[in-house]
Amino acid sequence: MQKNILIIGGTGLIGSTIFQILKSRNPDCNLFIGSRKESNSPNRLTIDVMDYSTLSEISKQAIDLIVLCVNDKLNNVLHYAIDNQIDYIDITKPTPDLTEAFSIASKEKKLSSKIVFSSGWMAGVVPGLLQDLENTKAVELFVYYSIKDKAGESSAHFMAENVSKPFLRYKENIPVTLLHFLDSEKYDFAFEIGKRQVYNFDVPDLFILNTIEKIPTVSVKMTYSSKLVTFLLGIFQSVRLFDLLSLKNRRLLFSANGKGDKTTFEVLTTTTTGRTKTVLQSDKGQSELTAFATVLHIEKMGNTFFSNGIYFSHQLYKSNEMITGLMTNKTIKINTFKL
């Protein structure tokens, strides 16, 4: 394991959960928290990702790995990690920002550290659930999102900023332009959730699975636990009400202030040999699942040799390794069925 790990955004919901899980599983690691809030604690670094000069605080510690848990619009932390040969893992980027960051890293002629993009759904676990990436022809992701669950601030901000912007899914490698919360269809969820209307939704897995893993057909649809909320969001989009709301009001609309709830998603996979369905439920909700998966990625980076270069989190694992790691957490259930 890397000995000195910096969690930027470590005072936030996801970052603090990563800190707690990582410390409990790896007590010998030196964990540092980066935050805009000043503190006299020796393990707290005052860092504002929007101000590159504050990143000089990192050089005062022998940091082996930076874990980014806040939205770094300017990619300052990515540039700093590359320039200073520090391993880096990012769990925060929405699709447009991920593609930009990937482009930045890809232009480097020779990387002297590991750059890991882990911004897919729940820290990028979806591709890790697929049994045969090489022969996969289509992936459909269906998300059940509880309004009672806790969610990080970045999730609400992403939806507020992007709800009216078009995004892409892929059908036989042809990009299809979509808007959130339109084109509903019925989907029958497991875990006694039952049939729900699901709507278009943008997550980085669309880019990762099609552009990186070359899967021709990829789509994502989601539903909220409240049928009324799901219906109203579709209506708001269809009459373009989101365009009339201020950014502040849109952020309030998408903020999740619950005390925690189960999170569920399902992956339908079509390969050259047939179709499978993989269902995952986390009893402690999406923040816990995201944090636990991130800790697994960190431990994998620390305990396995990887050449310097660019990785997506699922590329750190051999077949089924991610599933095995996730299921060491007794609050996570994963089942796979042949269709």
C-alpha atoms as a PDB file:
ATOM      1  CA  MET A   1       0.000   0.000   0.000  1.00  0.00           C
ATOM      2  CA  GLN A   2       0.994   3.600  -0.577  1.00  0.00           C
ATOM      3  CA  LYS A   3       1.877   5.042   2.812  1.00  0.00           C
ATOM      4  CA  ASN A   4       0.855   8.677   2.339  1.00  0.00           C
ATOM      5  CA  ILE A   5      -2.568   9.223   0.792  1.00  0.00           C
ATOM      6  CA  LEU A   6      -4.229  12.617   0.315  1.00  0.00           C
ATOM      7  CA  ILE A   7      -8.020  12.793   0.031  1.00  0.00           C
ATOM      8  CA  ILE A   8      -8.978  16.137  -1.501  1.00  0.00           C
ATOM      9  CA  GLY A   9     -12.534  16.839  -0.433  1.00  0.00           C
ATOM     10  CA  GLY A  10     -12.034  14.631   2.591  1.00  0.00           C
ATOM     11  CA  THR A  11     -14.478  16.643   4.715  1.00  0.00           C
ATOM     12  CA  GLY A  12     -17.367  16.024   2.300  1.00  0.00           C
ATOM     13  CA  LEU A  13     -19.831  13.140   2.410  1.00  0.00           C
ATOM     14  CA  ILE A  14     -17.985  10.773   0.046  1.00  0.00           C
ATOM     15  CA  GLY A  15     -14.481  11.877   1.034  1.00  0.00           C
ATOM     16  CA  SER A  16     -15.069  11.470   4.753  1.00  0.00           C
ATOM     17  CA  THR A  17     -16.585   8.022   4.188  1.00  0.00           C
ATOM     18  CA  ILE A  18     -13.546   6.994   2.130  1.00  0.00           C
ATOM     19  CA  PHE A  19     -11.320   8.247   4.947  1.00  0.00           C
ATOM     20  CA  GLN A  20     -13.167   6.199   7.573  1.00  0.00           C
ATOM     21  CA  ILE A  21     -13.249   2.957   5.571  1.00  0.00           C
ATOM     22  CA  LEU A  22      -9.661   3.279   4.357  1.00  0.00           C
ATOM     23  CA  LYS A  23      -8.332   4.018   7.849  1.00  0.00           C
ATOM     24  CA  SER A  24     -10.191   1.088   9.404  1.00  0.00           C
ATOM     25  CA  ARG A  25      -8.885  -1.358   6.772  1.00  0.00           C
ATOM     26  CA  ASN A  26      -5.358   0.082   6.521  1.00  0.00           C
ATOM     27  CA  PRO A  27      -4.364   1.530   9.909  1.00  0.00           C
ATOM     28  CA  ASP A  28      -0.701   1.822   8.918  1.00  0.00           C
ATOM     29  CA  CYS A  29      -1.419   4.345   6.146  1.00  0.00           C
ATOM     30  CA  ASN A  30      -0.892   8.051   6.729  1.00  0.00           C
ATOM     31  CA  LEU A  31      -4.061   9.737   5.558  1.00  0.00           C
ATOM     32  CA  PHE A  32      -4.206  13.454   4.786  1.00  0.00           C
ATOM     33  CA  ILE A  33      -7.298  15.528   4.112  1.00  0.00           C
ATOM     34  CA  GLY A  34      -7.289  18.388   1.647  1.00  0.00           C
ATOM     35  CA  SER A  35      -9.954  21.054   2.160  1.00  0.00           C
ATOM     36  CA  ARG A  36     -10.540  24.747   1.625  1.00  0.00           C
ATOM     37  CA  LYS A  37     -11.242  24.994   5.363  1.00  0.00           C
ATOM     38  CA  GLU A  38      -8.150  25.915   7.338  1.00  0.00           C
ATOM     39  CA  SER A  39      -7.134  23.648  10.210  1.00  0.00           C
ATOM     40  CA  ASN A  40      -4.253  23.298  12.629  1.00  0.00           C
ATOM     41  CA  SER A  41      -4.284  19.505  12.322  1.00  0.00           C
ATOM     42  CA  PRO A  42      -0.957  18.194  10.945  1.00  0.00           C
ATOM     43  CA  ASN A  43      -2.873  15.891   8.600  1.00  0.00           C
ATOM     44  CA  ARG A  44      -5.010  18.673   7.112  1.00  0.00           C
ATOM     45  CA  LEU A  45      -3.835  20.583   4.042  1.00  0.00           C
ATOM     46  CA  THR A  46      -5.526  23.811   2.994  1.00  0.00           C
ATOM     47  CA  ILE A  47      -6.249  23.253  -0.694  1.00  0.00           C
ATOM     48  CA  ASP A  48      -8.620  24.952  -3.109  1.00  0.00           C
ATOM     49  CA  VAL A  49      -8.691  23.062  -6.417  1.00  0.00           C
ATOM     50  CA  MET A  50      -9.648  26.279  -8.198  1.00  0.00           C
ATOM     51  CA  ASP A  51      -6.383  27.900  -7.045  1.00  0.00           C
ATOM     52  CA  TYR A  52      -3.346  26.025  -8.410  1.00  0.00           C
ATOM     53  CA  SER A  53      -0.978  27.824  -6.050  1.00  0.00           C
ATOM     54  CA  THR A  54      -2.560  26.117  -3.026  1.00  0.00           C
ATOM     55  CA  LEU A  55      -1.487  22.734  -4.387  1.00  0.00           C
ATOM     56  CA  SER A  56       2.049  23.572  -3.288  1.00  0.00           C
ATOM     57  CA  GLU A  57       0.910  22.287   0.121  1.00  0.00           C
ATOM     58  CA  ILE A  58       1.085  18.781  -1.365  1.00  0.00           C
ATOM     59  CA  SER A  59       4.827  19.089  -1.968  1.00  0.00           C
ATOM     60  CA  LYS A  60       5.375  19.588   1.761  1.00  0.00           C
ATOM     61  CA  GLN A  61       4.299  15.988   2.366  1.00  0.00           C
ATOM     62  CA  ALA A  62       5.612  12.830   0.692  1.00  0.00           C
ATOM     63  CA  ILE A  63       2.230  12.101  -0.899  1.00  0.00           C
ATOM     64  CA  ASP A  64       2.107   8.826  -2.869  1.00  0.00           C
ATOM     65  CA  LEU A  65      -1.512   9.036  -4.040  1.00  0.00           C
ATOM     66  CA  ILE A  66      -4.074  11.787  -4.500  1.00  0.00           C
ATOM     67  CA  VAL A  67      -7.749  10.806  -4.249  1.00  0.00           C
ATOM     68  CA  LEU A  68      -9.925  13.535  -5.771  1.00  0.00           C
ATOM     69  CA  CYS A  69     -13.449  13.785  -4.336  1.00  0.00           C
ATOM     70  CA  VAL A  70     -14.398  17.279  -5.496  1.00  0.00           C
ATOM     71  CA  ASN A  71     -15.190  18.584  -8.943  1.00  0.00           C
ATOM     72  CA  ASP A  72     -11.962  20.061 -10.310  1.00  0.00           C
ATOM     73  CA  LYS A  73     -13.291  21.987 -13.302  1.00  0.00           C
ATOM     74  CA  LEU A  74      -9.852  23.292 -14.303  1.00  0.00           C
ATOM     75  CA  ASN A  75      -8.095  19.920 -13.892  1.00  0.00           C
ATOM     76  CA  ASN A  76      -5.527  21.625 -11.673  1.00  0.00           C
ATOM     77  CA  VAL A  77      -5.046  18.528  -9.525  1.00  0.00           C
ATOM     78  CA  LEU A  78      -4.647  16.299 -12.575  1.00  0.00           C
ATOM     79  CA  HIS A  79      -1.973  18.605 -13.989  1.00  0.00           C
ATOM     80  CA  TYR A  80      -0.228  18.760 -10.607  1.00  0.00           C
ATOM     81  CA  ALA A  81      -0.219  14.974 -10.227  1.00  0.00           C
ATOM     82  CA  ILE A  82       1.214  14.498 -13.718  1.00  0.00           C
ATOM     83  CA  ASP A  83       3.852  17.201 -13.298  1.00  0.00           C
ATOM     84  CA  ASN A  84       4.954  15.896  -9.892  1.00  0.00           C
ATOM     85  CA  GLN A  85       4.770  12.169 -10.699  1.00  0.00           C
ATOM     86  CA  ILE A  86       2.113  11.390  -8.088  1.00  0.00           C
ATOM     87  CA  ASP A  87      -0.461   8.614  -8.504  1.00  0.00           C
ATOM     88  CA  TYR A  88      -3.993   9.968  -8.919  1.00  0.00           C
ATOM     89  CA  ILE A  89      -7.545   8.641  -8.744  1.00  0.00           C
ATOM     90  CA  ASP A  90     -10.620  10.755  -9.535  1.00  0.00           C
ATOM     91  CA  ILE A  91     -14.182   9.694  -8.687  1.00  0.00           C
ATOM     92  CA  THR A  92     -16.022  12.933  -9.394  1.00  0.00           C
ATOM     93  CA  LYS A  93     -16.143  13.811 -13.064  1.00  0.00           C
ATOM     94  CA  PRO A  94     -19.370  13.901 -15.102  1.00  0.00           C
ATOM     95  CA  THR A  95     -19.076  12.721 -18.696  1.00  0.00           C
ATOM     96  CA  PRO A  96     -18.005  16.017 -20.361  1.00  0.00           C
ATOM     97  CA  ASP A  97     -15.328  16.674 -17.720  1.00  0.00           C
ATOM     98  CA  LEU A  98     -14.113  13.070 -17.839  1.00  0.00           C
ATOM     99  CA  THR A  99     -13.580  13.191 -21.593  1.00  0.00           C
ATOM    100  CA  GLU A 100     -11.600  16.435 -21.218  1.00  0.00           C
ATOM    101  CA  ALA A 101      -9.431  15.027 -18.408  1.00  0.00           C
ATOM    102  CA  PHE A 102      -8.811  11.832 -20.354  1.00  0.00           C
ATOM    103  CA  SER A 103      -7.727  13.916 -23.347  1.00  0.00           C
ATOM    104  CA  ILE A 104      -5.298  15.902 -21.166  1.00  0.00           C
ATOM    105  CA  ALA A 105      -3.688  12.771 -19.746  1.00  0.00           C
ATOM    106  CA  SER A 106      -3.584  11.070 -23.151  1.00  0.00           C
ATOM    107  CA  LYS A 107      -1.540  13.931 -24.621  1.00  0.00           C
ATOM    108  CA  GLU A 108       1.303  13.287 -22.179  1.00  0.00           C
ATOM    109  CA  LYS A 109       4.101  11.557 -24.092  1.00  0.00           C
ATOM    110  CA  LYS A 110       5.373   9.735 -21.012  1.00  0.00           C
ATOM    111  CA  LEU A 111       3.518   9.470 -17.736  1.00  0.00           C
ATOM    112  CA  SER A 112       5.596   8.823 -14.625  1.00  0.00           C
ATOM    113  CA  SER A 113       2.649   7.889 -12.400  1.00  0.00           C
ATOM    114  CA  LYS A 114      -0.648   6.033 -12.485  1.00  0.00           C
ATOM    115  CA  ILE A 115      -3.639   8.138 -13.530  1.00  0.00           C
ATOM    116  CA  VAL A 116      -6.898   6.360 -12.696  1.00  0.00           C
ATOM    117  CA  PHE A 117     -10.286   7.644 -13.796  1.00  0.00           C
ATOM    118  CA  SER A 118     -12.965   6.184 -11.564  1.00  0.00           C
ATOM    119  CA  SER A 119     -15.871   8.489 -12.335  1.00  0.00           C
ATOM    120  CA  GLY A 120     -18.351   5.926 -13.630  1.00  0.00           C
ATOM    121  CA  TRP A 121     -21.511   5.036 -11.727  1.00  0.00           C
ATOM    122  CA  MET A 122     -20.634   4.350  -8.064  1.00  0.00           C
ATOM    123  CA  ALA A 123     -16.866   4.796  -8.555  1.00  0.00           C
ATOM    124  CA  GLY A 124     -16.840   2.961 -11.856  1.00  0.00           C
ATOM    125  CA  VAL A 125     -18.037  -0.475 -10.747  1.00  0.00           C
ATOM    126  CA  VAL A 126     -20.368  -1.176 -13.696  1.00  0.00           C
ATOM    127  CA  PRO A 127     -17.689  -2.316 -16.203  1.00  0.00           C
ATOM    128  CA  GLY A 128     -16.179  -4.447 -13.435  1.00  0.00           C
ATOM    129  CA  LEU A 129     -19.432  -6.413 -13.212  1.00  0.00           C
ATOM    130  CA  LEU A 130     -19.240  -7.498 -16.854  1.00  0.00           C
ATOM    131  CA  GLN A 131     -18.030 -11.065 -17.294  1.00  0.00           C
ATOM    132  CA  ASP A 132     -16.742 -10.852 -20.879  1.00  0.00           C
ATOM    133  CA  LEU A 133     -15.897  -7.312 -21.994  1.00  0.00           C
ATOM    134  CA  GLU A 134     -14.152  -8.444 -25.159  1.00  0.00           C
ATOM    135  CA  ASN A 135     -17.245 -10.190 -26.544  1.00  0.00           C
ATOM    136  CA  THR A 136     -19.860  -7.761 -25.197  1.00  0.00           C
ATOM    137  CA  LYS A 137     -22.093  -6.234 -27.857  1.00  0.00           C
ATOM    138  CA  ALA A 138     -24.530  -4.226 -25.747  1.00  0.00           C
ATOM    139  CA  VAL A 139     -24.883  -2.944 -22.176  1.00  0.00           C
ATOM    140  CA  GLU A 140     -28.029  -1.458 -20.641  1.00  0.00           C
ATOM    141  CA  LEU A 141     -27.755   0.118 -17.185  1.00  0.00           C
ATOM    142  CA  PHE A 142     -30.913   0.695 -15.130  1.00  0.00           C
ATOM    143  CA  VAL A 143     -30.641   2.751 -11.938  1.00  0.00           C
ATOM    144  CA  TYR A 144     -33.071   2.943  -9.012  1.00  0.00           C
ATOM    145  CA  TYR A 145     -32.351   6.143  -7.082  1.00  0.00           C
ATOM    146  CA  SER A 146     -33.926   6.680  -3.679  1.00  0.00           C
ATOM    147  CA  ILE A 147     -34.841  10.242  -2.741  1.00  0.00           C
ATOM    148  CA  LYS A 148     -34.331   9.158   0.898  1.00  0.00           C
ATOM    149  CA  ASP A 149     -30.660   8.421   0.257  1.00  0.00           C
ATOM    150  CA  LYS A 150     -27.704  10.657   1.014  1.00  0.00           C
ATOM    151  CA  ALA A 151     -25.764  12.011  -1.957  1.00  0.00           C
ATOM    152  CA  GLY A 152     -22.680  14.152  -2.345  1.00  0.00           C
ATOM    153  CA  GLU A 153     -22.994  17.799  -3.304  1.00  0.00           C
ATOM    154  CA  SER A 154     -21.332  17.192  -6.673  1.00  0.00           C
ATOM    155  CA  SER A 155     -24.183  14.901  -7.773  1.00  0.00           C
ATOM    156  CA  ALA A 156     -26.762  17.629  -7.248  1.00  0.00           C
ATOM    157  CA  HIS A 157     -24.567  20.232  -8.902  1.00  0.00           C
ATOM    158  CA  PHE A 158     -23.991  18.024 -11.940  1.00  0.00           C
ATOM    159  CA  MET A 159     -27.707  17.492 -12.514  1.00  0.00           C
ATOM    160  CA  ALA A 160     -28.471  21.155 -11.915  1.00  0.00           C
ATOM    161  CA  GLU A 161     -25.864  22.270 -14.439  1.00  0.00           C
ATOM    162  CA  ASN A 162     -26.517  19.619 -17.080  1.00  0.00           C
ATOM    163  CA  VAL A 163     -30.183  18.628 -16.892  1.00  0.00           C
ATOM    164  CA  SER A 164     -31.070  20.709 -19.964  1.00  0.00           C
ATOM    165  CA  LYS A 165     -27.958  19.819 -21.960  1.00  0.00           C
ATOM    166  CA  PRO A 166     -28.063  17.008 -24.525  1.00  0.00           C
ATOM    167  CA  PHE A 167     -25.856  13.956 -24.073  1.00  0.00           C
ATOM    168  CA  LEU A 168     -25.054  10.816 -26.041  1.00  0.00           C
ATOM    169  CA  ARG A 169     -25.790   7.139 -25.830  1.00  0.00           C
ATOM    170  CA  TYR A 170     -24.629   4.708 -28.484  1.00  0.00           C
ATOM    171  CA  LYS A 171     -26.463   2.297 -30.770  1.00  0.00           C
ATOM    172  CA  GLU A 172     -24.238   0.185 -33.007  1.00  0.00           C
ATOM    173  CA  ASN A 173     -21.528   2.822 -32.491  1.00  0.00           C
ATOM    174  CA  ILE A 174     -23.803   5.584 -33.765  1.00  0.00           C
ATOM    175  CA  PRO A 175     -24.157   8.429 -31.228  1.00  0.00           C
ATOM    176  CA  VAL A 176     -27.776   9.187 -30.334  1.00  0.00           C
ATOM    177  CA  THR A 177     -28.499  12.605 -28.838  1.00  0.00           C
ATOM    178  CA  LEU A 178     -30.750  12.578 -25.757  1.00  0.00           C
ATOM    179  CA  LEU A 179     -32.082  14.730 -22.937  1.00  0.00           C
ATOM    180  CA  HIS A 180     -32.453  13.631 -19.327  1.00  0.00           C
ATOM    181  CA  PHE A 181     -35.829  12.290 -18.152  1.00  0.00           C
ATOM    182  CA  LEU A 182     -37.338  11.704 -21.595  1.00  0.00           C
ATOM    183  CA  ASP A 183     -38.188   8.578 -23.661  1.00  0.00           C
ATOM    184  CA  SER A 184     -39.511   6.529 -20.771  1.00  0.00           C
ATOM    185  CA  GLU A 185     -40.054   2.787 -20.805  1.00  0.00           C
ATOM    186  CA  LYS A 186     -41.138   0.173 -18.275  1.00  0.00           C
ATOM    187  CA  TYR A 187     -38.471  -1.838 -16.496  1.00  0.00           C
ATOM    188  CA  ASP A 188     -38.963  -4.560 -13.900  1.00  0.00           C
ATOM    189  CA  PHE A 189     -36.422  -4.145 -11.071  1.00  0.00           C
ATOM    190  CA  ALA A 190     -35.352  -6.904  -8.705  1.00  0.00           C
ATOM    191  CA  PHE A 191     -35.305  -6.715  -4.873  1.00  0.00           C
ATOM    192  CA  GLU A 192     -39.109  -6.344  -4.794  1.00  0.00           C
ATOM    193  CA  ILE A 193     -38.999  -2.892  -6.406  1.00  0.00           C
ATOM    194  CA  GLY A 194     -41.080  -4.050  -9.373  1.00  0.00           C
ATOM    195  CA  LYS A 195     -41.995  -2.294 -12.603  1.00  0.00           C
ATOM    196  CA  ARG A 196     -41.070   1.368 -12.890  1.00  0.00           C
ATOM    197  CA  GLN A 197     -40.903   4.010 -15.595  1.00  0.00           C
ATOM    198  CA  VAL A 198     -37.224   4.646 -16.412  1.00  0.00           C
ATOM    199  CA  TYR A 199     -35.849   7.690 -18.230  1.00  0.00           C
ATOM    200  CA  ASN A 200     -32.708   8.758 -20.073  1.00  0.00           C
ATOM    201  CA  PHE A 201     -29.804   9.532 -17.769  1.00  0.00           C
ATOM    202  CA  ASP A 202     -26.183  10.496 -18.436  1.00  0.00           C
ATOM    203  CA  VAL A 203     -23.361   8.749 -16.587  1.00  0.00           C
ATOM    204  CA  PRO A 204     -19.690   8.424 -17.654  1.00  0.00           C
ATOM    205  CA  ASP A 205     -20.161   4.694 -18.300  1.00  0.00           C
ATOM    206  CA  LEU A 206     -21.668   5.635 -21.667  1.00  0.00           C
ATOM    207  CA  PHE A 207     -18.301   7.046 -22.720  1.00  0.00           C
ATOM    208  CA  ILE A 208     -16.211   4.431 -20.916  1.00  0.00           C
ATOM    209  CA  LEU A 209     -18.003   1.394 -22.308  1.00  0.00           C
ATOM    210  CA  ASN A 210     -18.321   2.664 -25.877  1.00  0.00           C
ATOM    211  CA  THR A 211     -15.201   4.748 -26.470  1.00  0.00           C
ATOM    212  CA  ILE A 212     -12.746   2.952 -24.193  1.00  0.00           C
ATOM    213  CA  GLU A 213     -14.052  -0.629 -24.229  1.00  0.00           C
ATOM    214  CA  LYS A 214     -15.484  -0.484 -27.780  1.00  0.00           C
ATOM    215  CA  ILE A 215     -18.909  -1.851 -26.881  1.00  0.00           C
ATOM    216  CA  PRO A 216     -21.181  -0.821 -29.800  1.00  0.00           C
ATOM    217  CA  THR A 217     -24.471  -0.285 -27.931  1.00  0.00           C
ATOM    218  CA  VAL A 218     -24.662   1.369 -24.511  1.00  0.00           C
ATOM    219  CA  SER A 219     -27.622   3.010 -22.768  1.00  0.00           C
ATOM    220  CA  VAL A 220     -28.526   4.199 -19.270  1.00  0.00           C
ATOM    221  CA  LYS A 221     -31.964   4.843 -17.783  1.00  0.00           C
ATOM    222  CA  MET A 222     -32.988   5.651 -14.229  1.00  0.00           C
ATOM    223  CA  THR A 223     -35.992   6.059 -11.974  1.00  0.00           C
ATOM    224  CA  TYR A 224     -36.510   7.720  -8.622  1.00  0.00           C
ATOM    225  CA  SER A 225     -38.047   5.880  -5.673  1.00  0.00           C
ATOM    226  CA  SER A 226     -40.954   8.336  -5.865  1.00  0.00           C
ATOM    227  CA  LYS A 227     -43.064   7.673  -8.946  1.00  0.00           C
ATOM    228  CA  LEU A 228     -44.442  11.213  -8.678  1.00  0.00           C
ATOM    229  CA  VAL A 229     -40.960  12.782  -8.684  1.00  0.00           C
ATOM    230  CA  THR A 230     -39.935  10.669 -11.681  1.00  0.00           C
ATOM    231  CA  PHE A 231     -43.092  11.658 -13.565  1.00  0.00           C
ATOM    232  CA  LEU A 232     -42.724  15.352 -12.749  1.00  0.00           C
ATOM    233  CA  LEU A 233     -39.089  15.480 -13.867  1.00  0.00           C
ATOM    234  CA  GLY A 234     -40.185  14.073 -17.215  1.00  0.00           C
ATOM    235  CA  ILE A 235     -42.906  16.720 -17.472  1.00  0.00           C
ATOM    236  CA  PHE A 236     -40.467  19.497 -16.492  1.00  0.00           C
ATOM    237  CA  GLN A 237     -38.101  18.421 -19.246  1.00  0.00           C
ATOM    238  CA  SER A 238     -40.785  18.057 -21.878  1.00  0.00           C
ATOM    239  CA  VAL A 239     -42.094  21.611 -21.275  1.00  0.00           C
ATOM    240  CA  ARG A 240     -38.509  22.914 -20.814  1.00  0.00           C
ATOM    241  CA  LEU A 241     -39.204  24.195 -17.307  1.00  0.00           C
ATOM    242  CA  PHE A 242     -35.608  23.467 -16.289  1.00  0.00           C
ATOM    243  CA  ASP A 243     -34.518  26.216 -18.692  1.00  0.00           C
ATOM    244  CA  LEU A 244     -36.550  28.750 -16.707  1.00  0.00           C
ATOM    245  CA  LEU A 245     -35.282  27.786 -13.259  1.00  0.00           C
ATOM    246  CA  SER A 246     -32.196  29.418 -11.807  1.00  0.00           C
ATOM    247  CA  LEU A 247     -29.103  27.304 -11.157  1.00  0.00           C
ATOM    248  CA  LYS A 248     -29.662  27.752  -7.416  1.00  0.00           C
ATOM    249  CA  ASN A 249     -33.219  26.419  -7.638  1.00  0.00           C
ATOM    250  CA  ARG A 250     -32.139  23.505  -9.831  1.00  0.00           C
ATOM    251  CA  ARG A 251     -29.499  22.583  -7.231  1.00  0.00           C
ATOM    252  CA  LEU A 252     -32.153  22.600  -4.519  1.00  0.00           C
ATOM    253  CA  LEU A 253     -34.386  20.449  -6.692  1.00  0.00           C
ATOM    254  CA  PHE A 254     -31.763  17.718  -7.150  1.00  0.00           C
ATOM    255  CA  SER A 255     -30.192  17.803  -3.692  1.00  0.00           C
ATOM    256  CA  ALA A 256     -30.640  14.583  -1.698  1.00  0.00           C
ATOM    257  CA  ASN A 257     -31.101  15.344   1.990  1.00  0.00           C
ATOM    258  CA  GLY A 258     -32.216  11.933   3.194  1.00  0.00           C
ATOM    259  CA  LYS A 259     -30.698  10.036   6.082  1.00  0.00           C
ATOM    260  CA  GLY A 260     -29.701   7.121   3.893  1.00  0.00           C
ATOM    261  CA  ASP A 261     -31.416   4.316   1.997  1.00  0.00           C
ATOM    262  CA  LYS A 262     -30.650   1.310  -0.164  1.00  0.00           C
ATOM    263  CA  THR A 263     -29.314   1.890  -3.656  1.00  0.00           C
ATOM    264  CA  THR A 264     -29.944  -0.496  -6.543  1.00  0.00           C
ATOM    265  CA  PHE A 265     -28.864  -0.802 -10.136  1.00  0.00           C
ATOM    266  CA  GLU A 266     -29.021  -3.509 -12.779  1.00  0.00           C
ATOM    267  CA  VAL A 267     -26.892  -4.266 -15.832  1.00  0.00           C
ATOM    268  CA  LEU A 268     -28.212  -6.151 -18.843  1.00  0.00           C
ATOM    269  CA  THR A 269     -25.388  -7.479 -20.997  1.00  0.00           C
ATOM    270  CA  THR A 270     -25.540  -8.966 -24.490  1.00  0.00           C
ATOM    271  CA  THR A 271     -22.521 -10.984 -25.626  1.00  0.00           C
ATOM    272  CA  THR A 272     -21.841 -13.261 -28.573  1.00  0.00           C
ATOM    273  CA  THR A 273     -23.057 -16.199 -26.446  1.00  0.00           C
ATOM    274  CA  GLY A 274     -26.237 -14.775 -24.897  1.00  0.00           C
ATOM    275  CA  ARG A 275     -27.686 -12.292 -22.413  1.00  0.00           C
ATOM    276  CA  THR A 276     -27.165 -11.880 -18.685  1.00  0.00           C
ATOM    277  CA  LYS A 277     -28.567  -9.648 -15.969  1.00  0.00           C
ATOM    278  CA  THR A 278     -26.451  -8.528 -13.021  1.00  0.00           C
ATOM    279  CA  VAL A 279     -28.239  -6.871 -10.112  1.00  0.00           C
ATOM    280  CA  LEU A 280     -26.530  -5.001  -7.273  1.00  0.00           C
ATOM    281  CA  GLN A 281     -27.979  -3.557  -4.096  1.00  0.00           C
ATOM    282  CA  SER A 282     -26.138  -1.744  -1.319  1.00  0.00           C
ATOM    283  CA  ASP A 283     -28.040  -1.598   1.977  1.00  0.00           C
ATOM    284  CA  LYS A 284     -26.101   1.488   3.100  1.00  0.00           C
ATOM    285  CA  GLY A 285     -26.757   3.534  -0.025  1.00  0.00           C
ATOM    286  CA  GLN A 286     -24.831   5.158  -2.810  1.00  0.00           C
ATOM    287  CA  SER A 287     -22.342   7.171  -0.732  1.00  0.00           C
ATOM    288  CA  GLU A 288     -21.218   4.046   1.142  1.00  0.00           C
ATOM    289  CA  LEU A 289     -21.017   1.992  -2.064  1.00  0.00           C
ATOM    290  CA  THR A 290     -19.044   4.702  -3.867  1.00  0.00           C
ATOM    291  CA  ALA A 291     -16.645   5.077  -0.946  1.00  0.00           C
ATOM    292  CA  PHE A 292     -16.163   1.332  -0.450  1.00  0.00           C
ATOM    293  CA  ALA A 293     -15.509   0.765  -4.158  1.00  0.00           C
ATOM    294  CA  THR A 294     -12.994   3.629  -4.135  1.00  0.00           C
ATOM    295  CA  VAL A 295     -11.171   2.046  -1.196  1.00  0.00           C
ATOM    296  CA  LEU A 296     -10.993  -1.231  -3.131  1.00  0.00           C
ATOM    297  CA  HIS A 297      -9.423   0.661  -6.059  1.00  0.00           C
ATOM    298  CA  ILE A 298      -6.907   2.361  -3.760  1.00  0.00           C
ATOM    299  CA  GLU A 299      -5.946  -0.962  -2.171  1.00  0.00           C
ATOM    300  CA  LYS A 300      -5.620  -2.577  -5.582  1.00  0.00           C
ATOM    301  CA  MET A 301      -3.292   0.204  -6.733  1.00  0.00           C
ATOM    302  CA  GLY A 302      -1.226  -0.139  -3.568  1.00  0.00           C
ATOM    303  CA  ASN A 303      -0.953  -3.915  -3.459  1.00  0.00           C
ATOM    304  CA  THR A 304      -0.446  -4.721  -7.144  1.00  0.00           C
ATOM    305  CA  PHE A 305       2.248  -3.620  -9.561  1.00  0.00           C
ATOM    306  CA  PHE A 306       0.962  -1.483 -12.427  1.00  0.00           C
ATOM    307  CA  SER A 307       3.034   0.243 -15.067  1.00  0.00           C
ATOM    308  CA  ASN A 308       2.724   4.011 -15.182  1.00  0.00           C
ATOM    309  CA  GLY A 309      -0.091   5.128 -17.455  1.00  0.00           C
ATOM    310  CA  ILE A 310      -3.823   5.789 -17.726  1.00  0.00           C
ATOM    311  CA  TYR A 311      -6.395   3.397 -16.284  1.00  0.00           C
ATOM    312  CA  PHE A 312     -10.106   3.258 -15.703  1.00  0.00           C
ATOM    313  CA  SER A 313     -10.897   1.652 -12.370  1.00  0.00           C
ATOM    314  CA  HIS A 314     -12.208  -1.633 -13.776  1.00  0.00           C
ATOM    315  CA  GLN A 315      -8.935  -2.065 -15.684  1.00  0.00           C
ATOM    316  CA  LEU A 316      -7.149  -2.558 -12.370  1.00  0.00           C
ATOM    317  CA  TYR A 317      -8.893  -5.897 -11.905  1.00  0.00           C
ATOM    318  CA  LYS A 318      -8.880  -9.316 -13.499  1.00  0.00           C
ATOM    319  CA  SER A 319     -12.191 -10.968 -14.387  1.00  0.00           C
ATOM    320  CA  ASN A 320     -14.536 -11.242 -11.372  1.00  0.00           C
ATOM    321  CA  GLU A 321     -11.996  -9.639  -8.991  1.00  0.00           C
ATOM    322  CA  MET A 322     -14.075  -6.511  -8.508  1.00  0.00           C
ATOM    323  CA  ILE A 323     -17.195  -8.546  -7.781  1.00  0.00           C
ATOM    324  CA  THR A 324     -15.272 -10.628  -5.245  1.00  0.00           C
ATOM    325  CA  GLY A 325     -13.961  -7.479  -3.574  1.00  0.00           C
ATOM    326  CA  LEU A 326     -17.367  -5.800  -3.393  1.00  0.00           C
ATOM    327  CA  MET A 327     -18.971  -8.886  -1.873  1.00  0.00           C
ATOM    328  CA  THR A 328     -16.548  -8.878   1.044  1.00  0.00           C
ATOM    329  CA  ASN A 329     -18.849  -6.106   2.262  1.00  0.00           C
ATOM    330  CA  LYS A 330     -21.874  -7.908   3.722  1.00  0.00           C
ATOM    331  CA  THR A 331     -24.155  -4.946   3.002  1.00  0.00           C
ATOM    332  CA  ILE A 332     -23.644  -5.388  -0.769  1.00  0.00           C
ATOM    333  CA  LYS A 333     -25.621  -8.030  -2.693  1.00  0.00           C
ATOM    334  CA  ILE A 334     -24.709  -9.032  -6.268  1.00  0.00           C
ATOM    335  CA  ASN A 335     -26.520 -11.646  -8.338  1.00  0.00           C
ATOM    336  CA  THR A 336     -26.079 -12.623 -11.989  1.00  0.00           C
ATOM    337  CA  PHE A 337     -28.712 -14.449 -14.062  1.00  0.00           C
ATOM    338  CA  LYS A 338     -28.764 -15.903 -17.553  1.00  0.00           C
ATOM    339  CA  LEU A 339     -31.639 -14.535 -19.654  1.00  0.00           C
END
